[in-house]
Amino acid sequence: MPPNAPFEILARAEQLLRRHAWLVGSAPAAIDALLAGARIQRHERGQYLFHREEASHDAWLVVDGFVTTGVAGPDGKAYTSHWFGAGAVLNIVSAMDAQSAIHDCIARTDSISVQIKGCALQAFLDQHPGAKDAILRYLCGRIRYLQRLVRESALATLRARCAQVLVDLADEHGIGQDDGVRLAFSLTQESLGEMLGCTRQSVNKELQRFEREGLIRLTRSCCVLLERARLDAIAFAG
């Protein structure tokens, strides 16, 4: 059950922050300072947490629900780069360089976040050089991930890319069960199309093929990966 009262939300925020490599071993007072002045935000499904090019220099910690980052165009077309769940810290780049946000962030479910002041994050990192190094390593990992997406988009088949996205989502947001791994959220064909840069019809064709081959099971509310190893092989083959 999601936290509701402000003190429950901030307590949950502290627990989630402690899981990050750059905060492991930090004194309680340091995390208290990081959360000082933080604002609790509630977001309905479809609501923006922040917009690309917005002068938002704060970081956002997801406490409950799922959000995505990407780019939405004026014509209604959208590209989604990643799904994030509870514990994700977003907009770190803008919080560190005090420039505008580099992507849009949208709540995909009713969600709760804690908006951490950029100045508080900067002060923490100035006092803890090891934490800054850990964040830089995390950002390097994100750059490598995004570079992989660019490479796959240019060279891999839609079938391979679709398999890779399903595997990535299962790795990060999967719930193990007897017959496979179930995604923790309802992934619509439209949402998957936004990640693959293709139409819902094209996504439907690939998913139906995966289902006929016994690789996944689809219902109205979820997607279950039945044959993770075979999906991995399809993604690797390109």
C-alpha atoms as a PDB file:
ATOM      1  CA  MET A   1       0.000   0.000   0.000  1.00  0.00           C
ATOM      2  CA  PRO A   2       1.443   3.407  -0.938  1.00  0.00           C
ATOM      3  CA  PRO A   3       2.339   5.834   1.850  1.00  0.00           C
ATOM      4  CA  ASN A   4      -0.196   8.591   2.445  1.00  0.00           C
ATOM      5  CA  ALA A   5       0.652  10.806   5.399  1.00  0.00           C
ATOM      6  CA  PRO A   6       3.531  13.278   4.864  1.00  0.00           C
ATOM      7  CA  PHE A   7       5.681  11.695   7.568  1.00  0.00           C
ATOM      8  CA  GLU A   8       5.136   8.249   6.011  1.00  0.00           C
ATOM      9  CA  ILE A   9       6.151   9.553   2.590  1.00  0.00           C
ATOM     10  CA  LEU A  10       9.313  11.234   3.885  1.00  0.00           C
ATOM     11  CA  ALA A  11      10.214   8.132   5.899  1.00  0.00           C
ATOM     12  CA  ARG A  12       9.788   6.039   2.760  1.00  0.00           C
ATOM     13  CA  ALA A  13      11.866   8.583   0.815  1.00  0.00           C
ATOM     14  CA  GLU A  14      14.693   8.222   3.330  1.00  0.00           C
ATOM     15  CA  GLN A  15      14.581   4.415   3.038  1.00  0.00           C
ATOM     16  CA  LEU A  16      14.707   4.581  -0.752  1.00  0.00           C
ATOM     17  CA  LEU A  17      17.581   7.066  -0.775  1.00  0.00           C
ATOM     18  CA  ARG A  18      19.656   4.846   1.497  1.00  0.00           C
ATOM     19  CA  ARG A  19      19.633   2.159  -1.202  1.00  0.00           C
ATOM     20  CA  HIS A  20      21.588   4.338  -3.617  1.00  0.00           C
ATOM     21  CA  ALA A  21      25.314   3.682  -3.844  1.00  0.00           C
ATOM     22  CA  TRP A  22      26.113   7.369  -3.410  1.00  0.00           C
ATOM     23  CA  LEU A  23      24.280   7.448  -0.078  1.00  0.00           C
ATOM     24  CA  VAL A  24      25.265   4.114   1.447  1.00  0.00           C
ATOM     25  CA  GLY A  25      26.935   4.759   4.785  1.00  0.00           C
ATOM     26  CA  SER A  26      25.798   8.373   5.014  1.00  0.00           C
ATOM     27  CA  ALA A  27      24.941   9.642   8.468  1.00  0.00           C
ATOM     28  CA  PRO A  28      21.209  10.189   9.162  1.00  0.00           C
ATOM     29  CA  ALA A  29      21.897  13.919   9.552  1.00  0.00           C
ATOM     30  CA  ALA A  30      23.277  14.066   5.992  1.00  0.00           C
ATOM     31  CA  ILE A  31      20.124  12.529   4.526  1.00  0.00           C
ATOM     32  CA  ASP A  32      17.972  14.758   6.720  1.00  0.00           C
ATOM     33  CA  ALA A  33      19.786  17.748   5.247  1.00  0.00           C
ATOM     34  CA  LEU A  34      19.249  16.396   1.746  1.00  0.00           C
ATOM     35  CA  LEU A  35      15.507  16.143   2.387  1.00  0.00           C
ATOM     36  CA  ALA A  36      15.285  19.487   4.177  1.00  0.00           C
ATOM     37  CA  GLY A  37      12.821  21.656   2.316  1.00  0.00           C
ATOM     38  CA  ALA A  38      11.812  18.781   0.022  1.00  0.00           C
ATOM     39  CA  ARG A  39       8.287  18.988  -1.393  1.00  0.00           C
ATOM     40  CA  ILE A  40       5.909  16.050  -1.583  1.00  0.00           C
ATOM     41  CA  GLN A  41       4.177  15.894  -4.956  1.00  0.00           C
ATOM     42  CA  ARG A  42       1.230  13.740  -5.996  1.00  0.00           C
ATOM     43  CA  HIS A  43       0.719  13.068  -9.690  1.00  0.00           C
ATOM     44  CA  GLU A  44      -2.264  11.670 -11.508  1.00  0.00           C
ATOM     45  CA  ARG A  45      -1.694   9.321 -14.407  1.00  0.00           C
ATOM     46  CA  GLY A  46      -0.651  11.337 -17.462  1.00  0.00           C
ATOM     47  CA  GLN A  47       0.509  14.348 -15.441  1.00  0.00           C
ATOM     48  CA  TYR A  48       3.955  15.822 -16.092  1.00  0.00           C
ATOM     49  CA  LEU A  49       6.441  15.927 -13.237  1.00  0.00           C
ATOM     50  CA  PHE A  50       8.552  18.343 -15.274  1.00  0.00           C
ATOM     51  CA  HIS A  51       8.978  19.386 -18.895  1.00  0.00           C
ATOM     52  CA  ARG A  52      12.003  19.340 -21.171  1.00  0.00           C
ATOM     53  CA  GLU A  53      13.679  22.762 -21.293  1.00  0.00           C
ATOM     54  CA  GLU A  54      11.955  23.713 -18.042  1.00  0.00           C
ATOM     55  CA  ALA A  55      14.236  25.608 -15.677  1.00  0.00           C
ATOM     56  CA  SER A  56      13.878  22.955 -12.983  1.00  0.00           C
ATOM     57  CA  HIS A  57      17.132  22.569 -11.042  1.00  0.00           C
ATOM     58  CA  ASP A  58      15.701  20.151  -8.476  1.00  0.00           C
ATOM     59  CA  ALA A  59      15.995  16.366  -8.347  1.00  0.00           C
ATOM     60  CA  TRP A  60      12.909  14.160  -8.096  1.00  0.00           C
ATOM     61  CA  LEU A  61      12.714  10.944  -6.078  1.00  0.00           C
ATOM     62  CA  VAL A  62       9.930   8.554  -7.092  1.00  0.00           C
ATOM     63  CA  VAL A  63       8.336   7.229  -3.896  1.00  0.00           C
ATOM     64  CA  ASP A  64       5.411   5.325  -5.389  1.00  0.00           C
ATOM     65  CA  GLY A  65       4.124   4.493  -8.873  1.00  0.00           C
ATOM     66  CA  PHE A  66       5.793   4.523 -12.283  1.00  0.00           C
ATOM     67  CA  VAL A  67       7.008   7.422 -14.437  1.00  0.00           C
ATOM     68  CA  THR A  68       8.738   7.655 -17.794  1.00  0.00           C
ATOM     69  CA  THR A  69      11.284   9.982 -19.327  1.00  0.00           C
ATOM     70  CA  GLY A  70      11.330  10.939 -22.978  1.00  0.00           C
ATOM     71  CA  VAL A  71      10.296  13.648 -25.392  1.00  0.00           C
ATOM     72  CA  ALA A  72       6.799  14.751 -26.399  1.00  0.00           C
ATOM     73  CA  GLY A  73       6.389  16.761 -29.607  1.00  0.00           C
ATOM     74  CA  PRO A  74       3.829  19.489 -30.381  1.00  0.00           C
ATOM     75  CA  ASP A  75       2.114  17.129 -32.837  1.00  0.00           C
ATOM     76  CA  GLY A  76       1.297  14.676 -30.056  1.00  0.00           C
ATOM     77  CA  LYS A  77       3.997  12.174 -31.012  1.00  0.00           C
ATOM     78  CA  ALA A  78       6.121  10.948 -28.140  1.00  0.00           C
ATOM     79  CA  TYR A  79       9.313   8.970 -27.593  1.00  0.00           C
ATOM     80  CA  THR A  80       9.846   7.182 -24.291  1.00  0.00           C
ATOM     81  CA  SER A  81      13.404   6.321 -23.279  1.00  0.00           C
ATOM     82  CA  HIS A  82      12.870   4.625 -19.917  1.00  0.00           C
ATOM     83  CA  TRP A  83      10.401   3.564 -17.231  1.00  0.00           C
ATOM     84  CA  PHE A  84      11.257   4.300 -13.583  1.00  0.00           C
ATOM     85  CA  GLY A  85       9.701   3.010 -10.381  1.00  0.00           C
ATOM     86  CA  ALA A  86      10.027   3.718  -6.680  1.00  0.00           C
ATOM     87  CA  GLY A  87      13.551   4.719  -5.689  1.00  0.00           C
ATOM     88  CA  ALA A  88      14.537   6.361  -8.968  1.00  0.00           C
ATOM     89  CA  VAL A  89      16.142   9.805  -8.697  1.00  0.00           C
ATOM     90  CA  LEU A  90      15.441  11.926 -11.772  1.00  0.00           C
ATOM     91  CA  ASN A  91      16.688  15.206 -13.216  1.00  0.00           C
ATOM     92  CA  ILE A  92      20.119  14.750 -11.635  1.00  0.00           C
ATOM     93  CA  VAL A  93      21.855  16.388 -14.600  1.00  0.00           C
ATOM     94  CA  SER A  94      19.878  19.615 -14.229  1.00  0.00           C
ATOM     95  CA  ALA A  95      20.351  19.585 -10.467  1.00  0.00           C
ATOM     96  CA  MET A  96      24.114  19.343 -10.963  1.00  0.00           C
ATOM     97  CA  ASP A  97      24.671  21.782 -13.837  1.00  0.00           C
ATOM     98  CA  ALA A  98      21.809  24.205 -12.997  1.00  0.00           C
ATOM     99  CA  GLN A  99      20.540  24.136 -16.579  1.00  0.00           C
ATOM    100  CA  SER A 100      17.169  23.185 -18.036  1.00  0.00           C
ATOM    101  CA  ALA A 101      15.709  19.670 -17.906  1.00  0.00           C
ATOM    102  CA  ILE A 102      16.904  17.400 -20.710  1.00  0.00           C
ATOM    103  CA  HIS A 103      13.661  15.421 -21.103  1.00  0.00           C
ATOM    104  CA  ASP A 104       9.990  15.287 -20.231  1.00  0.00           C
ATOM    105  CA  CYS A 105       8.918  13.205 -17.259  1.00  0.00           C
ATOM    106  CA  ILE A 106       5.368  11.828 -17.156  1.00  0.00           C
ATOM    107  CA  ALA A 107       3.493   9.814 -14.521  1.00  0.00           C
ATOM    108  CA  ARG A 108       2.289   6.564 -16.096  1.00  0.00           C
ATOM    109  CA  THR A 109       0.333   5.608 -12.990  1.00  0.00           C
ATOM    110  CA  ASP A 110      -0.923   7.645 -10.060  1.00  0.00           C
ATOM    111  CA  SER A 111       2.384   8.418  -8.411  1.00  0.00           C
ATOM    112  CA  ILE A 112       4.063  10.156  -5.489  1.00  0.00           C
ATOM    113  CA  SER A 113       7.409  11.927  -5.682  1.00  0.00           C
ATOM    114  CA  VAL A 114       9.588  14.036  -3.423  1.00  0.00           C
ATOM    115  CA  GLN A 115      11.140  17.108  -5.022  1.00  0.00           C
ATOM    116  CA  ILE A 116      14.645  17.551  -3.600  1.00  0.00           C
ATOM    117  CA  LYS A 117      16.131  21.017  -3.822  1.00  0.00           C
ATOM    118  CA  GLY A 118      19.062  21.211  -6.203  1.00  0.00           C
ATOM    119  CA  CYS A 119      21.008  23.371  -3.755  1.00  0.00           C
ATOM    120  CA  ALA A 120      20.620  20.679  -1.085  1.00  0.00           C
ATOM    121  CA  LEU A 121      21.929  18.034  -3.481  1.00  0.00           C
ATOM    122  CA  GLN A 122      24.861  20.255  -4.473  1.00  0.00           C
ATOM    123  CA  ALA A 123      25.734  20.908  -0.817  1.00  0.00           C
ATOM    124  CA  PHE A 124      25.618  17.179  -0.068  1.00  0.00           C
ATOM    125  CA  LEU A 125      27.901  16.343  -2.996  1.00  0.00           C
ATOM    126  CA  ASP A 126      30.361  19.101  -2.068  1.00  0.00           C
ATOM    127  CA  GLN A 127      30.633  17.605   1.415  1.00  0.00           C
ATOM    128  CA  HIS A 128      30.882  14.009   0.172  1.00  0.00           C
ATOM    129  CA  PRO A 129      33.294  13.669  -2.794  1.00  0.00           C
ATOM    130  CA  GLY A 130      32.788   9.910  -2.858  1.00  0.00           C
ATOM    131  CA  ALA A 131      29.085  10.426  -3.439  1.00  0.00           C
ATOM    132  CA  LYS A 132      29.810  12.706  -6.393  1.00  0.00           C
ATOM    133  CA  ASP A 133      32.051  10.031  -7.926  1.00  0.00           C
ATOM    134  CA  ALA A 134      29.271   7.450  -7.494  1.00  0.00           C
ATOM    135  CA  ILE A 135      26.723   9.711  -9.188  1.00  0.00           C
ATOM    136  CA  LEU A 136      29.107  10.307 -12.085  1.00  0.00           C
ATOM    137  CA  ARG A 137      29.480   6.532 -12.503  1.00  0.00           C
ATOM    138  CA  TYR A 138      25.681   6.217 -12.510  1.00  0.00           C
ATOM    139  CA  LEU A 139      25.363   8.931 -15.169  1.00  0.00           C
ATOM    140  CA  CYS A 140      28.042   7.208 -17.246  1.00  0.00           C
ATOM    141  CA  GLY A 141      25.918   4.058 -17.089  1.00  0.00           C
ATOM    142  CA  ARG A 142      22.881   6.002 -18.310  1.00  0.00           C
ATOM    143  CA  ILE A 143      24.908   7.422 -21.232  1.00  0.00           C
ATOM    144  CA  ARG A 144      25.993   3.925 -22.203  1.00  0.00           C
ATOM    145  CA  TYR A 145      22.384   2.727 -22.033  1.00  0.00           C
ATOM    146  CA  LEU A 146      21.145   5.592 -24.223  1.00  0.00           C
ATOM    147  CA  GLN A 147      23.985   4.999 -26.694  1.00  0.00           C
ATOM    148  CA  ARG A 148      22.878   1.376 -26.940  1.00  0.00           C
ATOM    149  CA  LEU A 149      19.336   2.540 -27.745  1.00  0.00           C
ATOM    150  CA  VAL A 150      20.647   4.768 -30.526  1.00  0.00           C
ATOM    151  CA  ARG A 151      22.702   1.908 -31.969  1.00  0.00           C
ATOM    152  CA  GLU A 152      19.793  -0.536 -31.816  1.00  0.00           C
ATOM    153  CA  SER A 153      17.405   1.968 -33.359  1.00  0.00           C
ATOM    154  CA  ALA A 154      19.742   2.393 -36.325  1.00  0.00           C
ATOM    155  CA  LEU A 155      20.799  -1.225 -36.844  1.00  0.00           C
ATOM    156  CA  ALA A 156      18.503  -3.756 -35.149  1.00  0.00           C
ATOM    157  CA  THR A 157      15.235  -5.159 -36.485  1.00  0.00           C
ATOM    158  CA  LEU A 158      11.971  -4.192 -34.816  1.00  0.00           C
ATOM    159  CA  ARG A 159      11.610  -7.790 -33.601  1.00  0.00           C
ATOM    160  CA  ALA A 160      15.007  -7.653 -31.880  1.00  0.00           C
ATOM    161  CA  ARG A 161      14.356  -4.231 -30.384  1.00  0.00           C
ATOM    162  CA  CYS A 162      10.962  -5.306 -29.081  1.00  0.00           C
ATOM    163  CA  ALA A 163      12.502  -8.370 -27.438  1.00  0.00           C
ATOM    164  CA  GLN A 164      15.246  -6.222 -25.877  1.00  0.00           C
ATOM    165  CA  VAL A 165      12.780  -3.711 -24.443  1.00  0.00           C
ATOM    166  CA  LEU A 166      10.700  -6.489 -22.866  1.00  0.00           C
ATOM    167  CA  VAL A 167      13.817  -8.057 -21.345  1.00  0.00           C
ATOM    168  CA  ASP A 168      15.026  -4.686 -20.020  1.00  0.00           C
ATOM    169  CA  LEU A 169      11.647  -3.939 -18.433  1.00  0.00           C
ATOM    170  CA  ALA A 170      11.486  -7.408 -16.888  1.00  0.00           C
ATOM    171  CA  ASP A 171      14.983  -7.026 -15.438  1.00  0.00           C
ATOM    172  CA  GLU A 172      14.124  -3.721 -13.790  1.00  0.00           C
ATOM    173  CA  HIS A 173      10.400  -4.033 -13.065  1.00  0.00           C
ATOM    174  CA  GLY A 174       9.677  -7.755 -13.251  1.00  0.00           C
ATOM    175  CA  ILE A 175       7.906  -9.859 -10.630  1.00  0.00           C
ATOM    176  CA  GLY A 176       8.875 -13.521 -10.614  1.00  0.00           C
ATOM    177  CA  GLN A 177       6.119 -16.129 -10.712  1.00  0.00           C
ATOM    178  CA  ASP A 178       5.893 -19.859 -11.413  1.00  0.00           C
ATOM    179  CA  ASP A 179       5.616 -19.589 -15.182  1.00  0.00           C
ATOM    180  CA  GLY A 180       7.856 -16.612 -15.834  1.00  0.00           C
ATOM    181  CA  VAL A 181       8.292 -12.915 -15.062  1.00  0.00           C
ATOM    182  CA  ARG A 182       5.357 -10.509 -14.977  1.00  0.00           C
ATOM    183  CA  LEU A 183       5.831  -6.805 -15.622  1.00  0.00           C
ATOM    184  CA  ALA A 184       4.859  -4.805 -12.540  1.00  0.00           C
ATOM    185  CA  PHE A 185       2.739  -2.371 -14.539  1.00  0.00           C
ATOM    186  CA  SER A 186       0.298  -2.506 -17.421  1.00  0.00           C
ATOM    187  CA  LEU A 187       2.320  -1.902 -20.586  1.00  0.00           C
ATOM    188  CA  THR A 188       0.062  -0.751 -23.395  1.00  0.00           C
ATOM    189  CA  GLN A 189       0.925  -1.226 -27.047  1.00  0.00           C
ATOM    190  CA  GLU A 190       0.924   2.546 -27.414  1.00  0.00           C
ATOM    191  CA  SER A 191       3.486   2.904 -24.604  1.00  0.00           C
ATOM    192  CA  LEU A 192       5.667   0.188 -26.107  1.00  0.00           C
ATOM    193  CA  GLY A 193       5.414   1.910 -29.486  1.00  0.00           C
ATOM    194  CA  GLU A 194       6.681   5.116 -27.875  1.00  0.00           C
ATOM    195  CA  MET A 195       9.752   3.219 -26.695  1.00  0.00           C
ATOM    196  CA  LEU A 196      10.361   1.616 -30.090  1.00  0.00           C
ATOM    197  CA  GLY A 197       9.534   4.644 -32.231  1.00  0.00           C
ATOM    198  CA  CYS A 198       6.867   2.788 -34.219  1.00  0.00           C
ATOM    199  CA  THR A 199       3.101   2.517 -34.527  1.00  0.00           C
ATOM    200  CA  ARG A 200       0.792   0.596 -32.232  1.00  0.00           C
ATOM    201  CA  GLN A 201      -0.100  -1.653 -35.176  1.00  0.00           C
ATOM    202  CA  SER A 202       3.546  -2.624 -35.677  1.00  0.00           C
ATOM    203  CA  VAL A 203       3.932  -3.351 -31.978  1.00  0.00           C
ATOM    204  CA  ASN A 204       0.777  -5.466 -31.978  1.00  0.00           C
ATOM    205  CA  LYS A 205       2.158  -7.554 -34.847  1.00  0.00           C
ATOM    206  CA  GLU A 206       5.398  -8.298 -32.975  1.00  0.00           C
ATOM    207  CA  LEU A 207       3.659  -9.069 -29.683  1.00  0.00           C
ATOM    208  CA  GLN A 208       1.190 -11.409 -31.343  1.00  0.00           C
ATOM    209  CA  ARG A 209       4.092 -13.217 -32.989  1.00  0.00           C
ATOM    210  CA  PHE A 210       5.878 -13.571 -29.639  1.00  0.00           C
ATOM    211  CA  GLU A 211       2.693 -14.937 -28.101  1.00  0.00           C
ATOM    212  CA  ARG A 212       2.179 -17.495 -30.888  1.00  0.00           C
ATOM    213  CA  GLU A 213       5.761 -18.658 -30.341  1.00  0.00           C
ATOM    214  CA  GLY A 214       5.108 -19.126 -26.623  1.00  0.00           C
ATOM    215  CA  LEU A 215       7.561 -16.427 -25.561  1.00  0.00           C
ATOM    216  CA  ILE A 216       5.075 -14.193 -23.733  1.00  0.00           C
ATOM    217  CA  ARG A 217       1.507 -14.221 -22.463  1.00  0.00           C
ATOM    218  CA  LEU A 218      -0.653 -11.139 -22.862  1.00  0.00           C
ATOM    219  CA  THR A 219      -3.745 -10.160 -20.918  1.00  0.00           C
ATOM    220  CA  ARG A 220      -5.593  -6.866 -20.652  1.00  0.00           C
ATOM    221  CA  SER A 221      -3.704  -5.974 -17.488  1.00  0.00           C
ATOM    222  CA  CYS A 222      -0.233  -7.462 -17.847  1.00  0.00           C
ATOM    223  CA  CYS A 223       2.508  -9.031 -19.919  1.00  0.00           C
ATOM    224  CA  VAL A 224       4.303 -12.161 -18.699  1.00  0.00           C
ATOM    225  CA  LEU A 225       7.662 -13.194 -20.152  1.00  0.00           C
ATOM    226  CA  LEU A 226       7.539 -17.001 -20.409  1.00  0.00           C
ATOM    227  CA  GLU A 227      10.827 -17.626 -22.232  1.00  0.00           C
ATOM    228  CA  ARG A 228      13.354 -15.030 -21.129  1.00  0.00           C
ATOM    229  CA  ALA A 229      16.354 -16.872 -22.617  1.00  0.00           C
ATOM    230  CA  ARG A 230      14.762 -17.073 -26.083  1.00  0.00           C
ATOM    231  CA  LEU A 231      13.855 -13.377 -25.986  1.00  0.00           C
ATOM    232  CA  ASP A 232      17.477 -12.645 -25.042  1.00  0.00           C
ATOM    233  CA  ALA A 233      18.639 -14.653 -28.053  1.00  0.00           C
ATOM    234  CA  ILE A 234      16.303 -12.749 -30.392  1.00  0.00           C
ATOM    235  CA  ALA A 235      17.547  -9.430 -29.027  1.00  0.00           C
ATOM    236  CA  PHE A 236      21.197 -10.499 -29.360  1.00  0.00           C
ATOM    237  CA  ALA A 237      20.707 -11.689 -32.950  1.00  0.00           C
ATOM    238  CA  GLY A 238      19.550  -8.189 -33.903  1.00  0.00           C
END
